[in-house]
Amino acid sequence: MPKASAKERSTALYESILELSSMEECRAFFDDLCTVGELRAMEQRYDVALLLDQGLVYTEILEKTGASSATISRVNRIFSFGTGGFRKMIERRKQRKA
């Protein structure tokens, strides 16, 4: 049986996300797409990435987010050695707030 990672990825989801035009649309779309637990996990990972970017240490991040050390470590690895998606979005977020 072929590995799941070898299967070609569908672009329909990502194209649909790019079509969202407001916070309300975005929340409604993700509320329909994901379970509450999946959404909370993604939100928590992003919050961890934001705090890592601010230079906070694991204990501070744990206090602020409730994330486990395993989650913080995983996000740190992705933030440091991933494809750059977290970093790009955080930089864009900073530019919008400036």
PDB file of N, CA and C in Angstrom:
ATOM      1  N   MET A   1       0.854  -1.182   0.000  1.00  0.00           N
ATOM      2  CA  MET A   1       0.000   0.000   0.000  1.00  0.00           C
ATOM      3  C   MET A   1       0.894   1.237   0.000  1.00  0.00           C
ATOM      4  N   PRO A   2       0.598   2.246  -0.854  1.00  0.00           N
ATOM      5  CA  PRO A   2       1.448   3.440  -0.908  1.00  0.00           C
ATOM      6  C   PRO A   2       1.309   4.279   0.350  1.00  0.00           C
ATOM      7  N   LYS A   3       2.391   4.955   0.674  1.00  0.00           N
ATOM      8  CA  LYS A   3       2.385   5.861   1.819  1.00  0.00           C
ATOM      9  C   LYS A   3       1.480   7.046   1.539  1.00  0.00           C
ATOM     10  N   ALA A   4       0.853   7.559   2.597  1.00  0.00           N
ATOM     11  CA  ALA A   4      -0.021   8.722   2.456  1.00  0.00           C
ATOM     12  C   ALA A   4       0.757   9.941   1.980  1.00  0.00           C
ATOM     13  N   SER A   5       2.010  10.065   2.412  1.00  0.00           N
ATOM     14  CA  SER A   5       2.803  11.231   2.032  1.00  0.00           C
ATOM     15  C   SER A   5       3.167  11.214   0.548  1.00  0.00           C
ATOM     16  N   ALA A   6       3.134  10.018  -0.077  1.00  0.00           N
ATOM     17  CA  ALA A   6       3.457   9.919  -1.487  1.00  0.00           C
ATOM     18  C   ALA A   6       2.278  10.336  -2.358  1.00  0.00           C
ATOM     19  N   LYS A   7       1.082  10.382  -1.785  1.00  0.00           N
ATOM     20  CA  LYS A   7      -0.115  10.776  -2.518  1.00  0.00           C
ATOM     21  C   LYS A   7      -0.060  12.270  -2.823  1.00  0.00           C
ATOM     22  N   GLU A   8      -0.486  12.611  -4.023  1.00  0.00           N
ATOM     23  CA  GLU A   8      -0.500  14.029  -4.404  1.00  0.00           C
ATOM     24  C   GLU A   8      -1.474  14.793  -3.521  1.00  0.00           C
ATOM     25  N   ARG A   9      -1.053  15.950  -3.064  1.00  0.00           N
ATOM     26  CA  ARG A   9      -1.887  16.781  -2.194  1.00  0.00           C
ATOM     27  C   ARG A   9      -2.910  17.533  -3.028  1.00  0.00           C
ATOM     28  N   SER A  10      -4.099  17.656  -2.474  1.00  0.00           N
ATOM     29  CA  SER A  10      -5.157  18.420  -3.113  1.00  0.00           C
ATOM     30  C   SER A  10      -4.939  19.903  -2.837  1.00  0.00           C
ATOM     31  N   THR A  11      -5.191  20.718  -3.820  1.00  0.00           N
ATOM     32  CA  THR A  11      -5.051  22.158  -3.631  1.00  0.00           C
ATOM     33  C   THR A  11      -6.387  22.841  -3.353  1.00  0.00           C
ATOM     34  N   ALA A  12      -7.495  22.106  -3.443  1.00  0.00           N
ATOM     35  CA  ALA A  12      -8.822  22.707  -3.286  1.00  0.00           C
ATOM     36  C   ALA A  12      -8.978  23.425  -1.946  1.00  0.00           C
ATOM     37  N   LEU A  13      -8.525  22.815  -0.861  1.00  0.00           N
ATOM     38  CA  LEU A  13      -8.639  23.436   0.462  1.00  0.00           C
ATOM     39  C   LEU A  13      -7.886  24.759   0.502  1.00  0.00           C
ATOM     40  N   TYR A  14      -6.661  24.758   0.043  1.00  0.00           N
ATOM     41  CA  TYR A  14      -5.820  25.956   0.106  1.00  0.00           C
ATOM     42  C   TYR A  14      -6.359  27.061  -0.797  1.00  0.00           C
ATOM     43  N   GLU A  15      -6.860  26.679  -1.965  1.00  0.00           N
ATOM     44  CA  GLU A  15      -7.471  27.668  -2.851  1.00  0.00           C
ATOM     45  C   GLU A  15      -8.711  28.277  -2.200  1.00  0.00           C
ATOM     46  N   SER A  16      -9.492  27.447  -1.512  1.00  0.00           N
ATOM     47  CA  SER A  16     -10.689  27.949  -0.826  1.00  0.00           C
ATOM     48  C   SER A  16     -10.323  28.912   0.291  1.00  0.00           C
ATOM     49  N   ILE A  17      -9.277  28.606   1.036  1.00  0.00           N
ATOM     50  CA  ILE A  17      -8.832  29.490   2.117  1.00  0.00           C
ATOM     51  C   ILE A  17      -8.437  30.855   1.554  1.00  0.00           C
ATOM     52  N   LEU A  18      -7.770  30.845   0.417  1.00  0.00           N
ATOM     53  CA  LEU A  18      -7.368  32.108  -0.207  1.00  0.00           C
ATOM     54  C   LEU A  18      -8.554  32.948  -0.655  1.00  0.00           C
ATOM     55  N   GLU A  19      -9.717  32.338  -0.826  1.00  0.00           N
ATOM     56  CA  GLU A  19     -10.920  33.050  -1.253  1.00  0.00           C
ATOM     57  C   GLU A  19     -11.676  33.699  -0.095  1.00  0.00           C
ATOM     58  N   LEU A  20     -11.350  33.370   1.143  1.00  0.00           N
ATOM     59  CA  LEU A  20     -12.047  33.949   2.291  1.00  0.00           C
ATOM     60  C   LEU A  20     -11.757  35.443   2.350  1.00  0.00           C
ATOM     61  N   SER A  21     -12.795  36.230   2.640  1.00  0.00           N
ATOM     62  CA  SER A  21     -12.598  37.678   2.562  1.00  0.00           C
ATOM     63  C   SER A  21     -12.831  38.430   3.868  1.00  0.00           C
ATOM     64  N   SER A  22     -13.177  37.713   4.941  1.00  0.00           N
ATOM     65  CA  SER A  22     -13.376  38.402   6.208  1.00  0.00           C
ATOM     66  C   SER A  22     -13.091  37.444   7.361  1.00  0.00           C
ATOM     67  N   MET A  23     -12.928  38.017   8.541  1.00  0.00           N
ATOM     68  CA  MET A  23     -12.720  37.210   9.739  1.00  0.00           C
ATOM     69  C   MET A  23     -13.920  36.294   9.976  1.00  0.00           C
ATOM     70  N   GLU A  24     -15.126  36.826   9.754  1.00  0.00           N
ATOM     71  CA  GLU A  24     -16.341  36.031   9.963  1.00  0.00           C
ATOM     72  C   GLU A  24     -16.378  34.835   9.026  1.00  0.00           C
ATOM     73  N   GLU A  25     -16.049  35.050   7.746  1.00  0.00           N
ATOM     74  CA  GLU A  25     -16.008  33.945   6.788  1.00  0.00           C
ATOM     75  C   GLU A  25     -14.964  32.922   7.189  1.00  0.00           C
ATOM     76  N   CYS A  26     -13.820  33.406   7.615  1.00  0.00           N
ATOM     77  CA  CYS A  26     -12.724  32.525   8.007  1.00  0.00           C
ATOM     78  C   CYS A  26     -13.129  31.657   9.195  1.00  0.00           C
ATOM     79  N   ARG A  27     -13.682  32.272  10.210  1.00  0.00           N
ATOM     80  CA  ARG A  27     -14.113  31.511  11.397  1.00  0.00           C
ATOM     81  C   ARG A  27     -15.195  30.503  11.046  1.00  0.00           C
ATOM     82  N   ALA A  28     -16.179  30.909  10.250  1.00  0.00           N
ATOM     83  CA  ALA A  28     -17.259  30.000   9.867  1.00  0.00           C
ATOM     84  C   ALA A  28     -16.710  28.808   9.072  1.00  0.00           C
ATOM     85  N   PHE A  29     -15.792  29.076   8.151  1.00  0.00           N
ATOM     86  CA  PHE A  29     -15.197  28.019   7.339  1.00  0.00           C
ATOM     87  C   PHE A  29     -14.456  27.014   8.219  1.00  0.00           C
ATOM     88  N   PHE A  30     -13.591  27.523   9.096  1.00  0.00           N
ATOM     89  CA  PHE A  30     -12.819  26.625   9.949  1.00  0.00           C
ATOM     90  C   PHE A  30     -13.687  25.935  10.997  1.00  0.00           C
ATOM     91  N   ASP A  31     -14.737  26.602  11.473  1.00  0.00           N
ATOM     92  CA  ASP A  31     -15.676  25.949  12.398  1.00  0.00           C
ATOM     93  C   ASP A  31     -16.355  24.765  11.726  1.00  0.00           C
ATOM     94  N   ASP A  32     -16.688  24.900  10.442  1.00  0.00           N
ATOM     95  CA  ASP A  32     -17.302  23.797   9.705  1.00  0.00           C
ATOM     96  C   ASP A  32     -16.289  22.708   9.368  1.00  0.00           C
ATOM     97  N   LEU A  33     -15.066  23.098   9.098  1.00  0.00           N
ATOM     98  CA  LEU A  33     -14.047  22.157   8.640  1.00  0.00           C
ATOM     99  C   LEU A  33     -13.435  21.333   9.765  1.00  0.00           C
ATOM    100  N   CYS A  34     -13.229  21.935  10.926  1.00  0.00           N
ATOM    101  CA  CYS A  34     -12.457  21.310  12.003  1.00  0.00           C
ATOM    102  C   CYS A  34     -13.310  21.063  13.244  1.00  0.00           C
ATOM    103  N   THR A  35     -12.859  20.110  14.042  1.00  0.00           N
ATOM    104  CA  THR A  35     -13.470  19.942  15.359  1.00  0.00           C
ATOM    105  C   THR A  35     -12.951  21.049  16.267  1.00  0.00           C
ATOM    106  N   VAL A  36     -13.617  21.251  17.388  1.00  0.00           N
ATOM    107  CA  VAL A  36     -13.173  22.248  18.357  1.00  0.00           C
ATOM    108  C   VAL A  36     -11.744  21.940  18.800  1.00  0.00           C
ATOM    109  N   GLY A  37     -11.452  20.664  19.049  1.00  0.00           N
ATOM    110  CA  GLY A  37     -10.108  20.270  19.478  1.00  0.00           C
ATOM    111  C   GLY A  37      -9.039  20.567  18.438  1.00  0.00           C
ATOM    112  N   GLU A  38      -9.357  20.311  17.168  1.00  0.00           N
ATOM    113  CA  GLU A  38      -8.403  20.609  16.098  1.00  0.00           C
ATOM    114  C   GLU A  38      -8.137  22.104  16.003  1.00  0.00           C
ATOM    115  N   LEU A  39      -9.191  22.898  16.095  1.00  0.00           N
ATOM    116  CA  LEU A  39      -9.015  24.349  16.040  1.00  0.00           C
ATOM    117  C   LEU A  39      -8.180  24.852  17.209  1.00  0.00           C
ATOM    118  N   ARG A  40      -8.491  24.377  18.408  1.00  0.00           N
ATOM    119  CA  ARG A  40      -7.747  24.817  19.592  1.00  0.00           C
ATOM    120  C   ARG A  40      -6.275  24.436  19.475  1.00  0.00           C
ATOM    121  N   ALA A  41      -6.006  23.250  18.940  1.00  0.00           N
ATOM    122  CA  ALA A  41      -4.615  22.814  18.777  1.00  0.00           C
ATOM    123  C   ALA A  41      -3.873  23.719  17.793  1.00  0.00           C
ATOM    124  N   MET A  42      -4.511  24.057  16.668  1.00  0.00           N
ATOM    125  CA  MET A  42      -3.873  24.940  15.694  1.00  0.00           C
ATOM    126  C   MET A  42      -3.675  26.340  16.268  1.00  0.00           C
ATOM    127  N   GLU A  43      -4.695  26.842  16.969  1.00  0.00           N
ATOM    128  CA  GLU A  43      -4.582  28.167  17.583  1.00  0.00           C
ATOM    129  C   GLU A  43      -3.453  28.189  18.606  1.00  0.00           C
ATOM    130  N   GLN A  44      -3.371  27.129  19.399  1.00  0.00           N
ATOM    131  CA  GLN A  44      -2.333  27.060  20.419  1.00  0.00           C
ATOM    132  C   GLN A  44      -0.943  27.018  19.789  1.00  0.00           C
ATOM    133  N   ARG A  45      -0.777  26.233  18.722  1.00  0.00           N
ATOM    134  CA  ARG A  45       0.526  26.162  18.051  1.00  0.00           C
ATOM    135  C   ARG A  45       0.925  27.523  17.500  1.00  0.00           C
ATOM    136  N   TYR A  46      -0.027  28.230  16.919  1.00  0.00           N
ATOM    137  CA  TYR A  46       0.285  29.550  16.382  1.00  0.00           C
ATOM    138  C   TYR A  46       0.640  30.523  17.501  1.00  0.00           C
ATOM    139  N   ASP A  47      -0.103  30.470  18.600  1.00  0.00           N
ATOM    140  CA  ASP A  47       0.223  31.304  19.759  1.00  0.00           C
ATOM    141  C   ASP A  47       1.626  31.011  20.271  1.00  0.00           C
ATOM    142  N   VAL A  48       1.991  29.733  20.315  1.00  0.00           N
ATOM    143  CA  VAL A  48       3.337  29.340  20.743  1.00  0.00           C
ATOM    144  C   VAL A  48       4.370  29.942  19.796  1.00  0.00           C
ATOM    145  N   ALA A  49       4.126  29.871  18.494  1.00  0.00           N
ATOM    146  CA  ALA A  49       5.064  30.444  17.519  1.00  0.00           C
ATOM    147  C   ALA A  49       5.218  31.948  17.725  1.00  0.00           C
ATOM    148  N   LEU A  50       4.105  32.643  17.976  1.00  0.00           N
ATOM    149  CA  LEU A  50       4.182  34.090  18.227  1.00  0.00           C
ATOM    150  C   LEU A  50       5.046  34.385  19.449  1.00  0.00           C
ATOM    151  N   LEU A  51       4.880  33.601  20.493  1.00  0.00           N
ATOM    152  CA  LEU A  51       5.645  33.820  21.730  1.00  0.00           C
ATOM    153  C   LEU A  51       7.118  33.446  21.554  1.00  0.00           C
ATOM    154  N   LEU A  52       7.383  32.385  20.795  1.00  0.00           N
ATOM    155  CA  LEU A  52       8.781  32.038  20.500  1.00  0.00           C
ATOM    156  C   LEU A  52       9.449  33.174  19.730  1.00  0.00           C
ATOM    157  N   ASP A  53       8.716  33.754  18.792  1.00  0.00           N
ATOM    158  CA  ASP A  53       9.253  34.872  18.020  1.00  0.00           C
ATOM    159  C   ASP A  53       9.567  36.067  18.911  1.00  0.00           C
ATOM    160  N   GLN A  54       8.812  36.222  19.997  1.00  0.00           N
ATOM    161  CA  GLN A  54       9.042  37.317  20.941  1.00  0.00           C
ATOM    162  C   GLN A  54      10.192  37.013  21.894  1.00  0.00           C
ATOM    163  N   GLY A  55      10.746  35.798  21.814  1.00  0.00           N
ATOM    164  CA  GLY A  55      11.892  35.446  22.642  1.00  0.00           C
ATOM    165  C   GLY A  55      11.548  34.851  23.996  1.00  0.00           C
ATOM    166  N   LEU A  56      10.283  34.501  24.213  1.00  0.00           N
ATOM    167  CA  LEU A  56       9.915  33.907  25.494  1.00  0.00           C
ATOM    168  C   LEU A  56      10.502  32.504  25.618  1.00  0.00           C
ATOM    169  N   VAL A  57      10.750  32.084  26.843  1.00  0.00           N
ATOM    170  CA  VAL A  57      11.282  30.748  27.107  1.00  0.00           C
ATOM    171  C   VAL A  57      10.128  29.793  27.379  1.00  0.00           C
ATOM    172  N   TYR A  58      10.441  28.490  27.350  1.00  0.00           N
ATOM    173  CA  TYR A  58       9.427  27.445  27.475  1.00  0.00           C
ATOM    174  C   TYR A  58       8.497  27.654  28.671  1.00  0.00           C
ATOM    175  N   THR A  59       9.059  27.951  29.836  1.00  0.00           N
ATOM    176  CA  THR A  59       8.217  28.075  31.031  1.00  0.00           C
ATOM    177  C   THR A  59       7.228  29.234  30.900  1.00  0.00           C
ATOM    178  N   GLU A  60       7.669  30.332  30.300  1.00  0.00           N
ATOM    179  CA  GLU A  60       6.771  31.471  30.094  1.00  0.00           C
ATOM    180  C   GLU A  60       5.666  31.120  29.100  1.00  0.00           C
ATOM    181  N   ILE A  61       6.027  30.412  28.042  1.00  0.00           N
ATOM    182  CA  ILE A  61       5.053  30.011  27.027  1.00  0.00           C
ATOM    183  C   ILE A  61       4.049  29.033  27.623  1.00  0.00           C
ATOM    184  N   LEU A  62       4.539  28.112  28.429  1.00  0.00           N
ATOM    185  CA  LEU A  62       3.659  27.146  29.087  1.00  0.00           C
ATOM    186  C   LEU A  62       2.645  27.867  29.965  1.00  0.00           C
ATOM    187  N   GLU A  63       3.109  28.858  30.726  1.00  0.00           N
ATOM    188  CA  GLU A  63       2.214  29.631  31.596  1.00  0.00           C
ATOM    189  C   GLU A  63       1.165  30.393  30.797  1.00  0.00           C
ATOM    190  N   LYS A  64       1.569  30.991  29.662  1.00  0.00           N
ATOM    191  CA  LYS A  64       0.657  31.827  28.885  1.00  0.00           C
ATOM    192  C   LYS A  64      -0.326  31.014  28.039  1.00  0.00           C
ATOM    193  N   THR A  65       0.094  29.827  27.573  1.00  0.00           N
ATOM    194  CA  THR A  65      -0.729  29.076  26.615  1.00  0.00           C
ATOM    195  C   THR A  65      -1.290  27.772  27.165  1.00  0.00           C
ATOM    196  N   GLY A  66      -0.639  27.225  28.176  1.00  0.00           N
ATOM    197  CA  GLY A  66      -1.035  25.911  28.665  1.00  0.00           C
ATOM    198  C   GLY A  66      -0.529  24.789  27.779  1.00  0.00           C
ATOM    199  N   ALA A  67       0.279  25.121  26.783  1.00  0.00           N
ATOM    200  CA  ALA A  67       0.815  24.109  25.872  1.00  0.00           C
ATOM    201  C   ALA A  67       1.803  23.213  26.605  1.00  0.00           C
ATOM    202  N   SER A  68       1.829  21.963  26.211  1.00  0.00           N
ATOM    203  CA  SER A  68       2.785  21.036  26.815  1.00  0.00           C
ATOM    204  C   SER A  68       4.192  21.349  26.306  1.00  0.00           C
ATOM    205  N   SER A  69       5.190  20.866  27.029  1.00  0.00           N
ATOM    206  CA  SER A  69       6.573  21.078  26.582  1.00  0.00           C
ATOM    207  C   SER A  69       6.801  20.385  25.243  1.00  0.00           C
ATOM    208  N   ALA A  70       6.114  19.263  25.007  1.00  0.00           N
ATOM    209  CA  ALA A  70       6.245  18.577  23.717  1.00  0.00           C
ATOM    210  C   ALA A  70       5.708  19.443  22.579  1.00  0.00           C
ATOM    211  N   THR A  71       4.579  20.106  22.804  1.00  0.00           N
ATOM    212  CA  THR A  71       4.011  20.984  21.782  1.00  0.00           C
ATOM    213  C   THR A  71       4.921  22.181  21.542  1.00  0.00           C
ATOM    214  N   ILE A  72       5.423  22.771  22.603  1.00  0.00           N
ATOM    215  CA  ILE A  72       6.325  23.921  22.468  1.00  0.00           C
ATOM    216  C   ILE A  72       7.584  23.505  21.704  1.00  0.00           C
ATOM    217  N   SER A  73       8.135  22.351  22.039  1.00  0.00           N
ATOM    218  CA  SER A  73       9.324  21.850  21.363  1.00  0.00           C
ATOM    219  C   SER A  73       9.046  21.583  19.880  1.00  0.00           C
ATOM    220  N   ARG A  74       7.903  21.001  19.606  1.00  0.00           N
ATOM    221  CA  ARG A  74       7.535  20.714  18.211  1.00  0.00           C
ATOM    222  C   ARG A  74       7.408  22.003  17.413  1.00  0.00           C
ATOM    223  N   VAL A  75       6.710  22.979  17.971  1.00  0.00           N
ATOM    224  CA  VAL A  75       6.544  24.258  17.274  1.00  0.00           C
ATOM    225  C   VAL A  75       7.896  24.938  17.096  1.00  0.00           C
ATOM    226  N   ASN A  76       8.752  24.858  18.088  1.00  0.00           N
ATOM    227  CA  ASN A  76      10.079  25.462  17.986  1.00  0.00           C
ATOM    228  C   ASN A  76      10.871  24.844  16.837  1.00  0.00           C
ATOM    229  N   ARG A  77      10.784  23.519  16.713  1.00  0.00           N
ATOM    230  CA  ARG A  77      11.478  22.845  15.601  1.00  0.00           C
ATOM    231  C   ARG A  77      10.911  23.302  14.265  1.00  0.00           C
ATOM    232  N   ILE A  78       9.575  23.341  14.164  1.00  0.00           N
ATOM    233  CA  ILE A  78       8.940  23.770  12.919  1.00  0.00           C
ATOM    234  C   ILE A  78       9.262  25.236  12.650  1.00  0.00           C
ATOM    235  N   PHE A  79       9.191  26.057  13.682  1.00  0.00           N
ATOM    236  CA  PHE A  79       9.469  27.485  13.559  1.00  0.00           C
ATOM    237  C   PHE A  79      10.904  27.711  13.098  1.00  0.00           C
ATOM    238  N   SER A  80      11.820  26.898  13.599  1.00  0.00           N
ATOM    239  CA  SER A  80      13.232  27.067  13.275  1.00  0.00           C
ATOM    240  C   SER A  80      13.654  26.360  11.987  1.00  0.00           C
ATOM    241  N   PHE A  81      13.084  25.181  11.725  1.00  0.00           N
ATOM    242  CA  PHE A  81      13.588  24.352  10.627  1.00  0.00           C
ATOM    243  C   PHE A  81      12.518  23.950   9.622  1.00  0.00           C
ATOM    244  N   GLY A  82      11.318  24.509   9.732  1.00  0.00           N
ATOM    245  CA  GLY A  82      10.233  24.142   8.825  1.00  0.00           C
ATOM    246  C   GLY A  82      10.344  24.846   7.481  1.00  0.00           C
ATOM    247  N   THR A  83       9.224  24.972   6.816  1.00  0.00           N
ATOM    248  CA  THR A  83       9.195  25.545   5.470  1.00  0.00           C
ATOM    249  C   THR A  83       9.167  27.069   5.455  1.00  0.00           C
ATOM    250  N   GLY A  84       9.045  27.678   6.624  1.00  0.00           N
ATOM    251  CA  GLY A  84       9.039  29.131   6.713  1.00  0.00           C
ATOM    252  C   GLY A  84       7.651  29.742   6.778  1.00  0.00           C
ATOM    253  N   GLY A  85       6.628  28.911   6.796  1.00  0.00           N
ATOM    254  CA  GLY A  85       5.263  29.412   6.833  1.00  0.00           C
ATOM    255  C   GLY A  85       4.945  30.221   8.079  1.00  0.00           C
ATOM    256  N   PHE A  86       5.337  29.700   9.249  1.00  0.00           N
ATOM    257  CA  PHE A  86       5.105  30.434  10.496  1.00  0.00           C
ATOM    258  C   PHE A  86       5.789  31.794  10.442  1.00  0.00           C
ATOM    259  N   ARG A  87       7.061  31.782  10.089  1.00  0.00           N
ATOM    260  CA  ARG A  87       7.839  33.017  10.097  1.00  0.00           C
ATOM    261  C   ARG A  87       7.254  34.048   9.129  1.00  0.00           C
ATOM    262  N   LYS A  88       6.846  33.601   7.938  1.00  0.00           N
ATOM    263  CA  LYS A  88       6.288  34.519   6.953  1.00  0.00           C
ATOM    264  C   LYS A  88       5.006  35.163   7.476  1.00  0.00           C
ATOM    265  N   MET A  89       4.137  34.371   8.083  1.00  0.00           N
ATOM    266  CA  MET A  89       2.876  34.907   8.582  1.00  0.00           C
ATOM    267  C   MET A  89       3.106  35.845   9.766  1.00  0.00           C
ATOM    268  N   ILE A  90       4.042  35.521  10.618  1.00  0.00           N
ATOM    269  CA  ILE A  90       4.342  36.389  11.753  1.00  0.00           C
ATOM    270  C   ILE A  90       4.917  37.718  11.272  1.00  0.00           C
ATOM    271  N   GLU A  91       5.786  37.678  10.272  1.00  0.00           N
ATOM    272  CA  GLU A  91       6.351  38.915   9.725  1.00  0.00           C
ATOM    273  C   GLU A  91       5.262  39.765   9.087  1.00  0.00           C
ATOM    274  N   ARG A  92       4.349  39.137   8.365  1.00  0.00           N
ATOM    275  CA  ARG A  92       3.235  39.892   7.766  1.00  0.00           C
ATOM    276  C   ARG A  92       2.354  40.500   8.839  1.00  0.00           C
ATOM    277  N   ARG A  93       2.121  39.746   9.891  1.00  0.00           N
ATOM    278  CA  ARG A  93       1.303  40.243  11.011  1.00  0.00           C
ATOM    279  C   ARG A  93       1.957  41.473  11.640  1.00  0.00           C
ATOM    280  N   LYS A  94       3.275  41.417  11.824  1.00  0.00           N
ATOM    281  CA  LYS A  94       4.010  42.556  12.387  1.00  0.00           C
ATOM    282  C   LYS A  94       3.901  43.777  11.488  1.00  0.00           C
ATOM    283  N   GLN A  95       4.021  43.561  10.182  1.00  0.00           N
ATOM    284  CA  GLN A  95       3.947  44.681   9.220  1.00  0.00           C
ATOM    285  C   GLN A  95       2.570  45.337   9.245  1.00  0.00           C
ATOM    286  N   ARG A  96       1.511  44.531   9.352  1.00  0.00           N
ATOM    287  CA  ARG A  96       0.157  45.090   9.408  1.00  0.00           C
ATOM    288  C   ARG A  96      -0.067  45.911  10.667  1.00  0.00           C
ATOM    289  N   LYS A  97       0.568  45.494  11.764  1.00  0.00           N
ATOM    290  CA  LYS A  97       0.373  46.205  13.035  1.00  0.00           C
ATOM    291  C   LYS A  97       1.255  47.436  13.148  1.00  0.00           C
ATOM    292  N   ALA A  98       2.260  47.547  12.283  1.00  0.00           N
ATOM    293  CA  ALA A  98       3.184  48.692  12.338  1.00  0.00           C
ATOM    294  C   ALA A  98       2.593  49.942  11.750  1.00  0.00           C
TER     295      ALA A  98
END
